Every structure is written in C-alpha cells, then in structure tokens.
Amino acid sequence: MKEFKKFISKGNVMEMAVGLIMAVYFGAIIKSLVNDIIMPPVGMLLGGVDFAELKLILTPAVAESIEGAGDAVAEVAIRYGLFINTIITFVIVAFAIFMVVKGYNKMKESMEKKKEEAPAAPPAPSNEEVLLSEIRDLLKK
C-alpha cells in the first residue's frame, strides 16, 4: 500500500490525470463544434444534406410482425454520415494537438537558446596561476 501511495502522489501521475480529463472534454467540445456548428452550414451548401442522417439501409425497421404480436425489428444501416463527422472531428483535434505541440517545441527551443546564450562563468585559475599570484603578492610585501 505504501508503494501505491508513493506512486499516486508523484507529480507525473497527477499531471497525466489532469491531461486525460482535459483531453476528454476537449474532444467533446470539438465533437460539438463539428456536429452543431461546422456540419450544418456544410450540409446546407451541399443542398440541405444532414450528414448525421446519411446512411445506407441494409434492413429497414419493422414496427410489427405480420402476426401482430408486436415484435419490433430495428433498422440495420451503415451510417457513413456519422463516420464523415468523426473524420472531420479527428482532423480538427489532430490539428489542434499539432499546434499545441508546435508551440511547446518552439518555447522549449527558445529556452534552450537562452541557456546557450548565457555567458559561461570564467574558468577557475589553474594551480600554477594561483601559485604565481601568491608569489607575486609575497614579493609586493
């Protein structure tokens, strides 16, 4: 149990958990952006198409059986419109992540350049130089 507490209390685990939570909600926001904001105008431009409703029906739905027993059969369909929405969502998320990583790498490079540009401390004098300076100081006295 102590080992687990030590593991869970490390900063990396907490940062990873926060990142995962943020990613889930970021994905939900992008999904809403695609489904509710981007796709309706695109569908309108393409002649009033609702991508969420695009599908290839393999077996139509049946409300009741022929005998009237009330057995309903659900529709079997390939929903390629939802697949198109998912692809667009993926592209937007991938682009957003690309921009974040690009910004992070740029910031990291600039920090590394600042470290390189910082003047290095002058090297410590060698033993010979120290000895010679001591001799000089003694001769002055």
N, C-alpha and C. Protein backbone atom coordinates (compact mmCIF):
# COMPACT_ATOMS: atom_id res chain seq x y z
N MET A 1 0.82 -1.19 0.00
CA MET A 1 0.00 0.00 0.00
C MET A 1 0.87 1.26 0.00
N LYS A 2 2.00 1.22 0.74
CA LYS A 2 2.89 2.38 0.77
C LYS A 2 3.44 2.69 -0.62
N GLU A 3 3.77 1.63 -1.33
CA GLU A 3 4.31 1.82 -2.68
C GLU A 3 3.29 2.46 -3.60
N PHE A 4 2.03 2.06 -3.46
CA PHE A 4 0.96 2.65 -4.27
C PHE A 4 0.78 4.12 -3.91
N LYS A 5 0.78 4.45 -2.61
CA LYS A 5 0.64 5.85 -2.18
C LYS A 5 1.79 6.69 -2.74
N LYS A 6 2.99 6.13 -2.72
CA LYS A 6 4.14 6.85 -3.25
C LYS A 6 3.98 7.09 -4.75
N PHE A 7 3.51 6.07 -5.44
CA PHE A 7 3.30 6.18 -6.89
C PHE A 7 2.24 7.22 -7.22
N ILE A 8 1.11 7.17 -6.53
CA ILE A 8 -0.02 8.04 -6.84
C ILE A 8 0.26 9.48 -6.45
N SER A 9 1.13 9.69 -5.48
CA SER A 9 1.41 11.05 -5.04
C SER A 9 2.48 11.74 -5.88
N LYS A 10 3.08 11.02 -6.80
CA LYS A 10 4.06 11.65 -7.68
C LYS A 10 3.37 12.65 -8.60
N GLY A 11 4.08 13.71 -8.93
CA GLY A 11 3.51 14.77 -9.77
C GLY A 11 3.12 14.30 -11.15
N ASN A 12 3.88 13.38 -11.74
CA ASN A 12 3.60 12.94 -13.10
C ASN A 12 2.25 12.27 -13.22
N VAL A 13 1.86 11.50 -12.22
CA VAL A 13 0.57 10.81 -12.27
C VAL A 13 -0.56 11.83 -12.23
N MET A 14 -0.44 12.82 -11.36
CA MET A 14 -1.48 13.83 -11.27
C MET A 14 -1.56 14.65 -12.55
N GLU A 15 -0.41 15.01 -13.12
CA GLU A 15 -0.41 15.77 -14.37
C GLU A 15 -1.04 14.95 -15.49
N MET A 16 -0.75 13.66 -15.50
CA MET A 16 -1.32 12.79 -16.54
C MET A 16 -2.84 12.70 -16.38
N ALA A 17 -3.31 12.60 -15.15
CA ALA A 17 -4.75 12.52 -14.91
C ALA A 17 -5.45 13.80 -15.35
N VAL A 18 -4.86 14.94 -15.00
CA VAL A 18 -5.44 16.22 -15.41
C VAL A 18 -5.44 16.32 -16.94
N GLY A 19 -4.35 15.91 -17.57
CA GLY A 19 -4.27 15.94 -19.03
C GLY A 19 -5.33 15.05 -19.67
N LEU A 20 -5.56 13.90 -19.10
CA LEU A 20 -6.57 12.98 -19.65
C LEU A 20 -7.97 13.58 -19.52
N ILE A 21 -8.27 14.16 -18.37
CA ILE A 21 -9.58 14.79 -18.18
C ILE A 21 -9.76 15.94 -19.17
N MET A 22 -8.74 16.76 -19.32
CA MET A 22 -8.81 17.88 -20.27
C MET A 22 -9.01 17.36 -21.70
N ALA A 23 -8.32 16.29 -22.05
CA ALA A 23 -8.44 15.74 -23.40
C ALA A 23 -9.85 15.23 -23.67
N VAL A 24 -10.46 14.59 -22.69
CA VAL A 24 -11.83 14.07 -22.87
C VAL A 24 -12.79 15.23 -23.15
N TYR A 25 -12.71 16.28 -22.35
CA TYR A 25 -13.62 17.39 -22.54
C TYR A 25 -13.27 18.21 -23.77
N PHE A 26 -12.00 18.28 -24.12
CA PHE A 26 -11.62 18.95 -25.37
C PHE A 26 -12.22 18.20 -26.55
N GLY A 27 -12.18 16.87 -26.51
CA GLY A 27 -12.79 16.06 -27.57
C GLY A 27 -14.29 16.29 -27.66
N ALA A 28 -14.96 16.42 -26.52
CA ALA A 28 -16.40 16.67 -26.52
C ALA A 28 -16.72 18.04 -27.13
N ILE A 29 -15.88 19.04 -26.81
CA ILE A 29 -16.09 20.38 -27.38
C ILE A 29 -15.91 20.34 -28.89
N ILE A 30 -14.87 19.67 -29.35
CA ILE A 30 -14.62 19.60 -30.80
C ILE A 30 -15.73 18.82 -31.49
N LYS A 31 -16.23 17.76 -30.86
CA LYS A 31 -17.33 17.00 -31.45
C LYS A 31 -18.56 17.88 -31.60
N SER A 32 -18.86 18.67 -30.59
CA SER A 32 -19.99 19.60 -30.67
C SER A 32 -19.74 20.65 -31.74
N LEU A 33 -18.51 21.15 -31.82
CA LEU A 33 -18.16 22.14 -32.85
C LEU A 33 -18.45 21.58 -34.24
N VAL A 34 -18.02 20.35 -34.48
CA VAL A 34 -18.23 19.74 -35.80
C VAL A 34 -19.71 19.47 -36.05
N ASN A 35 -20.38 18.79 -35.10
CA ASN A 35 -21.76 18.39 -35.32
C ASN A 35 -22.75 19.55 -35.32
N ASP A 36 -22.51 20.54 -34.47
CA ASP A 36 -23.51 21.59 -34.28
C ASP A 36 -23.20 22.90 -34.99
N ILE A 37 -21.94 23.13 -35.34
CA ILE A 37 -21.59 24.42 -35.95
C ILE A 37 -21.04 24.27 -37.37
N ILE A 38 -20.13 23.33 -37.58
CA ILE A 38 -19.49 23.21 -38.91
C ILE A 38 -20.37 22.46 -39.90
N MET A 39 -20.90 21.30 -39.50
CA MET A 39 -21.61 20.44 -40.46
C MET A 39 -22.95 21.01 -40.94
N PRO A 40 -23.74 21.72 -40.13
CA PRO A 40 -24.99 22.28 -40.68
C PRO A 40 -24.77 23.22 -41.87
N PRO A 41 -23.83 24.20 -41.81
CA PRO A 41 -23.62 25.03 -43.00
C PRO A 41 -23.05 24.25 -44.17
N VAL A 42 -22.16 23.28 -43.88
CA VAL A 42 -21.61 22.46 -44.97
C VAL A 42 -22.73 21.67 -45.63
N GLY A 43 -23.60 21.09 -44.82
CA GLY A 43 -24.75 20.36 -45.37
C GLY A 43 -25.67 21.26 -46.17
N MET A 44 -25.86 22.49 -45.70
CA MET A 44 -26.71 23.44 -46.42
C MET A 44 -26.09 23.79 -47.77
N LEU A 45 -24.77 23.99 -47.79
CA LEU A 45 -24.08 24.29 -49.05
C LEU A 45 -24.16 23.13 -50.04
N LEU A 46 -24.27 21.93 -49.51
CA LEU A 46 -24.36 20.74 -50.37
C LEU A 46 -25.80 20.35 -50.67
N GLY A 47 -26.73 21.28 -50.50
CA GLY A 47 -28.12 21.01 -50.88
C GLY A 47 -28.99 20.55 -49.74
N GLY A 48 -28.72 20.99 -48.53
CA GLY A 48 -29.56 20.64 -47.39
C GLY A 48 -29.32 19.25 -46.85
N VAL A 49 -28.12 18.74 -46.99
CA VAL A 49 -27.79 17.39 -46.51
C VAL A 49 -27.49 17.45 -45.01
N ASP A 50 -28.08 16.56 -44.24
CA ASP A 50 -27.74 16.40 -42.83
C ASP A 50 -26.85 15.17 -42.74
N PHE A 51 -25.56 15.41 -42.50
CA PHE A 51 -24.60 14.32 -42.50
C PHE A 51 -24.92 13.26 -41.46
N ALA A 52 -25.49 13.66 -40.34
CA ALA A 52 -25.83 12.69 -39.30
C ALA A 52 -26.89 11.71 -39.78
N GLU A 53 -27.68 12.08 -40.77
CA GLU A 53 -28.75 11.22 -41.27
C GLU A 53 -28.34 10.41 -42.50
N LEU A 54 -27.15 10.62 -43.03
CA LEU A 54 -26.71 9.87 -44.20
C LEU A 54 -26.41 8.44 -43.80
N LYS A 55 -27.04 7.51 -44.49
CA LYS A 55 -26.85 6.10 -44.17
C LYS A 55 -27.26 5.23 -45.33
N LEU A 56 -26.75 4.02 -45.33
CA LEU A 56 -27.11 3.01 -46.32
C LEU A 56 -27.88 1.94 -45.56
N ILE A 57 -29.18 1.84 -45.84
CA ILE A 57 -30.05 0.92 -45.10
C ILE A 57 -29.86 -0.49 -45.65
N LEU A 58 -29.47 -1.40 -44.77
CA LEU A 58 -29.32 -2.81 -45.15
C LEU A 58 -30.62 -3.57 -44.91
N THR A 59 -31.23 -3.31 -43.76
CA THR A 59 -32.52 -3.92 -43.42
C THR A 59 -33.39 -2.83 -42.80
N PRO A 60 -34.54 -2.53 -43.41
CA PRO A 60 -35.39 -1.48 -42.84
C PRO A 60 -36.02 -1.93 -41.52
N ALA A 61 -36.40 -0.94 -40.73
CA ALA A 61 -37.05 -1.22 -39.45
C ALA A 61 -38.47 -1.72 -39.69
N VAL A 62 -38.90 -2.62 -38.84
CA VAL A 62 -40.26 -3.16 -38.92
C VAL A 62 -40.93 -2.88 -37.58
N ALA A 63 -42.09 -2.20 -37.63
CA ALA A 63 -42.78 -1.83 -36.40
C ALA A 63 -43.44 -3.04 -35.74
N GLU A 64 -44.08 -3.88 -36.55
CA GLU A 64 -44.76 -5.06 -36.01
C GLU A 64 -44.52 -6.24 -36.93
N SER A 65 -44.62 -7.42 -36.37
CA SER A 65 -44.51 -8.60 -37.20
C SER A 65 -45.82 -8.82 -37.94
N ILE A 66 -45.83 -9.67 -38.89
CA ILE A 66 -47.02 -9.93 -39.70
C ILE A 66 -48.16 -10.48 -38.85
N GLU A 67 -47.84 -11.27 -37.83
CA GLU A 67 -48.88 -11.86 -36.99
C GLU A 67 -49.48 -10.84 -36.03
N GLY A 68 -48.88 -9.65 -35.91
CA GLY A 68 -49.41 -8.64 -34.99
C GLY A 68 -49.00 -8.87 -33.55
N ALA A 69 -47.95 -9.63 -33.33
CA ALA A 69 -47.50 -9.93 -31.97
C ALA A 69 -46.78 -8.76 -31.34
N GLY A 70 -46.48 -7.75 -32.13
CA GLY A 70 -45.84 -6.57 -31.58
C GLY A 70 -44.33 -6.65 -31.52
N ASP A 71 -43.73 -7.58 -32.21
CA ASP A 71 -42.27 -7.68 -32.23
C ASP A 71 -41.70 -6.63 -33.18
N ALA A 72 -40.93 -5.71 -32.65
CA ALA A 72 -40.33 -4.67 -33.47
C ALA A 72 -38.90 -5.08 -33.83
N VAL A 73 -38.50 -4.74 -35.04
CA VAL A 73 -37.15 -5.05 -35.52
C VAL A 73 -36.48 -3.72 -35.85
N ALA A 74 -35.32 -3.52 -35.29
CA ALA A 74 -34.60 -2.27 -35.51
C ALA A 74 -33.96 -2.26 -36.90
N GLU A 75 -33.75 -1.07 -37.38
CA GLU A 75 -33.12 -0.88 -38.68
C GLU A 75 -31.63 -1.23 -38.59
N VAL A 76 -31.16 -1.87 -39.66
CA VAL A 76 -29.73 -2.16 -39.78
C VAL A 76 -29.21 -1.29 -40.91
N ALA A 77 -28.25 -0.41 -40.57
CA ALA A 77 -27.77 0.53 -41.58
C ALA A 77 -26.30 0.86 -41.36
N ILE A 78 -25.64 1.21 -42.44
CA ILE A 78 -24.27 1.73 -42.39
C ILE A 78 -24.39 3.24 -42.36
N ARG A 79 -24.01 3.84 -41.25
CA ARG A 79 -24.16 5.29 -41.04
C ARG A 79 -22.88 6.01 -41.44
N TYR A 80 -22.68 6.17 -42.73
CA TYR A 80 -21.46 6.80 -43.23
C TYR A 80 -21.43 8.30 -42.97
N GLY A 81 -22.57 8.93 -42.75
CA GLY A 81 -22.60 10.35 -42.41
C GLY A 81 -21.96 10.62 -41.06
N LEU A 82 -22.26 9.76 -40.08
CA LEU A 82 -21.64 9.89 -38.76
C LEU A 82 -20.13 9.64 -38.86
N PHE A 83 -19.75 8.73 -39.74
CA PHE A 83 -18.33 8.45 -39.97
C PHE A 83 -17.63 9.68 -40.53
N ILE A 84 -18.27 10.38 -41.46
CA ILE A 84 -17.70 11.62 -42.02
C ILE A 84 -17.54 12.66 -40.91
N ASN A 85 -18.55 12.80 -40.04
CA ASN A 85 -18.45 13.72 -38.91
C ASN A 85 -17.27 13.36 -38.01
N THR A 86 -17.09 12.07 -37.76
CA THR A 86 -15.99 11.61 -36.90
C THR A 86 -14.64 11.91 -37.54
N ILE A 87 -14.53 11.74 -38.84
CA ILE A 87 -13.26 12.03 -39.53
C ILE A 87 -12.95 13.52 -39.42
N ILE A 88 -13.95 14.37 -39.63
CA ILE A 88 -13.73 15.82 -39.53
C ILE A 88 -13.34 16.19 -38.10
N THR A 89 -14.00 15.59 -37.11
CA THR A 89 -13.65 15.83 -35.71
C THR A 89 -12.20 15.43 -35.46
N PHE A 90 -11.79 14.28 -35.96
CA PHE A 90 -10.41 13.82 -35.79
C PHE A 90 -9.41 14.79 -36.40
N VAL A 91 -9.71 15.28 -37.60
CA VAL A 91 -8.79 16.21 -38.26
C VAL A 91 -8.65 17.50 -37.45
N ILE A 92 -9.74 18.01 -36.92
CA ILE A 92 -9.67 19.23 -36.11
C ILE A 92 -8.88 18.99 -34.83
N VAL A 93 -9.14 17.87 -34.15
CA VAL A 93 -8.40 17.56 -32.92
C VAL A 93 -6.92 17.37 -33.23
N ALA A 94 -6.61 16.65 -34.30
CA ALA A 94 -5.21 16.43 -34.68
C ALA A 94 -4.52 17.75 -34.98
N PHE A 95 -5.21 18.67 -35.67
CA PHE A 95 -4.62 19.97 -35.97
C PHE A 95 -4.39 20.77 -34.69
N ALA A 96 -5.36 20.74 -33.78
CA ALA A 96 -5.21 21.46 -32.51
C ALA A 96 -4.03 20.91 -31.71
N ILE A 97 -3.91 19.60 -31.64
CA ILE A 97 -2.78 18.99 -30.92
C ILE A 97 -1.47 19.34 -31.61
N PHE A 98 -1.46 19.33 -32.93
CA PHE A 98 -0.26 19.71 -33.68
C PHE A 98 0.17 21.13 -33.31
N MET A 99 -0.80 22.05 -33.24
CA MET A 99 -0.47 23.44 -32.90
C MET A 99 0.07 23.55 -31.47
N VAL A 100 -0.51 22.80 -30.54
CA VAL A 100 -0.03 22.83 -29.16
C VAL A 100 1.40 22.28 -29.08
N VAL A 101 1.65 21.15 -29.73
CA VAL A 101 2.99 20.57 -29.72
C VAL A 101 3.99 21.48 -30.40
N LYS A 102 3.57 22.09 -31.51
CA LYS A 102 4.45 23.03 -32.21
C LYS A 102 4.81 24.21 -31.31
N GLY A 103 3.83 24.77 -30.62
CA GLY A 103 4.09 25.87 -29.69
C GLY A 103 4.99 25.45 -28.55
N TYR A 104 4.76 24.26 -28.01
CA TYR A 104 5.59 23.74 -26.92
C TYR A 104 7.03 23.57 -27.38
N ASN A 105 7.22 22.99 -28.56
CA ASN A 105 8.58 22.80 -29.08
C ASN A 105 9.28 24.12 -29.32
N LYS A 106 8.55 25.12 -29.82
CA LYS A 106 9.12 26.43 -30.06
C LYS A 106 9.55 27.08 -28.74
N MET A 107 8.69 26.96 -27.72
CA MET A 107 9.02 27.51 -26.40
C MET A 107 10.24 26.79 -25.83
N LYS A 108 10.29 25.49 -25.98
CA LYS A 108 11.41 24.69 -25.47
C LYS A 108 12.71 25.09 -26.17
N GLU A 109 12.66 25.29 -27.49
CA GLU A 109 13.85 25.70 -28.25
C GLU A 109 14.33 27.08 -27.80
N SER A 110 13.40 28.00 -27.58
CA SER A 110 13.81 29.34 -27.16
C SER A 110 14.43 29.31 -25.76
N MET A 111 13.93 28.45 -24.90
CA MET A 111 14.52 28.33 -23.57
C MET A 111 15.93 27.74 -23.65
N GLU A 112 16.12 26.77 -24.54
CA GLU A 112 17.45 26.18 -24.72
C GLU A 112 18.43 27.20 -25.30
N LYS A 113 17.95 28.05 -26.23
CA LYS A 113 18.81 29.08 -26.80
C LYS A 113 19.24 30.08 -25.73
N LYS A 114 18.31 30.44 -24.85
CA LYS A 114 18.65 31.38 -23.77
C LYS A 114 19.71 30.79 -22.86
N LYS A 115 19.62 29.49 -22.60
CA LYS A 115 20.63 28.84 -21.76
C LYS A 115 21.99 28.86 -22.45
N GLU A 116 21.99 28.62 -23.77
CA GLU A 116 23.25 28.63 -24.52
C GLU A 116 23.83 30.03 -24.61
N GLU A 117 22.97 31.04 -24.74
CA GLU A 117 23.44 32.41 -24.89
C GLU A 117 23.96 32.99 -23.58
N ALA A 118 23.55 32.43 -22.46
CA ALA A 118 24.00 32.95 -21.17
C ALA A 118 25.52 32.79 -21.08
N PRO A 119 26.24 33.85 -20.67
CA PRO A 119 27.70 33.74 -20.62
C PRO A 119 28.12 32.71 -19.57
N ALA A 120 29.09 31.95 -19.96
CA ALA A 120 29.60 30.93 -19.05
C ALA A 120 30.50 31.60 -18.02
N ALA A 121 30.52 31.05 -16.85
CA ALA A 121 31.38 31.59 -15.80
C ALA A 121 32.84 31.39 -16.21
N PRO A 122 33.70 32.38 -15.93
CA PRO A 122 35.10 32.21 -16.31
C PRO A 122 35.69 31.01 -15.57
N PRO A 123 36.58 30.31 -16.24
CA PRO A 123 37.15 29.12 -15.61
C PRO A 123 38.02 29.52 -14.40
N ALA A 124 38.05 28.65 -13.45
CA ALA A 124 38.85 28.90 -12.25
C ALA A 124 40.33 28.89 -12.64
N PRO A 125 41.14 29.70 -11.98
CA PRO A 125 42.57 29.73 -12.31
C PRO A 125 43.23 28.39 -11.98
N SER A 126 44.21 28.07 -12.79
CA SER A 126 44.92 26.80 -12.58
C SER A 126 45.79 26.90 -11.34
N ASN A 127 46.28 25.77 -10.91
CA ASN A 127 47.15 25.73 -9.72
C ASN A 127 48.40 26.58 -9.93
N GLU A 128 48.90 26.55 -11.15
CA GLU A 128 50.11 27.33 -11.45
C GLU A 128 49.83 28.83 -11.31
N GLU A 129 48.69 29.27 -11.82
CA GLU A 129 48.33 30.68 -11.74
C GLU A 129 48.14 31.12 -10.29
N VAL A 130 47.51 30.25 -9.49
CA VAL A 130 47.31 30.56 -8.08
C VAL A 130 48.66 30.69 -7.37
N LEU A 131 49.54 29.77 -7.65
CA LEU A 131 50.87 29.79 -7.04
C LEU A 131 51.63 31.04 -7.44
N LEU A 132 51.57 31.40 -8.75
CA LEU A 132 52.26 32.59 -9.22
C LEU A 132 51.68 33.85 -8.60
N SER A 133 50.35 33.91 -8.43
CA SER A 133 49.76 35.10 -7.81
C SER A 133 50.16 35.20 -6.34
N GLU A 134 50.28 34.07 -5.64
CA GLU A 134 50.74 34.10 -4.25
C GLU A 134 52.18 34.61 -4.16
N ILE A 135 53.02 34.14 -5.08
CA ILE A 135 54.42 34.59 -5.10
C ILE A 135 54.46 36.10 -5.36
N ARG A 136 53.66 36.57 -6.31
CA ARG A 136 53.61 38.00 -6.62
C ARG A 136 53.21 38.81 -5.41
N ASP A 137 52.16 38.32 -4.69
CA ASP A 137 51.69 39.03 -3.51
C ASP A 137 52.76 39.06 -2.42
N LEU A 138 53.49 37.98 -2.26
CA LEU A 138 54.56 37.94 -1.26
C LEU A 138 55.69 38.89 -1.64
N LEU A 139 55.99 38.97 -2.91
CA LEU A 139 57.07 39.88 -3.37
C LEU A 139 56.67 41.33 -3.17
N LYS A 140 55.42 41.65 -3.31
CA LYS A 140 54.94 43.01 -3.11
C LYS A 140 55.12 43.43 -1.65
N LYS A 141 54.95 42.52 -0.73
CA LYS A 141 55.05 42.83 0.69
C LYS A 141 56.48 43.04 1.02
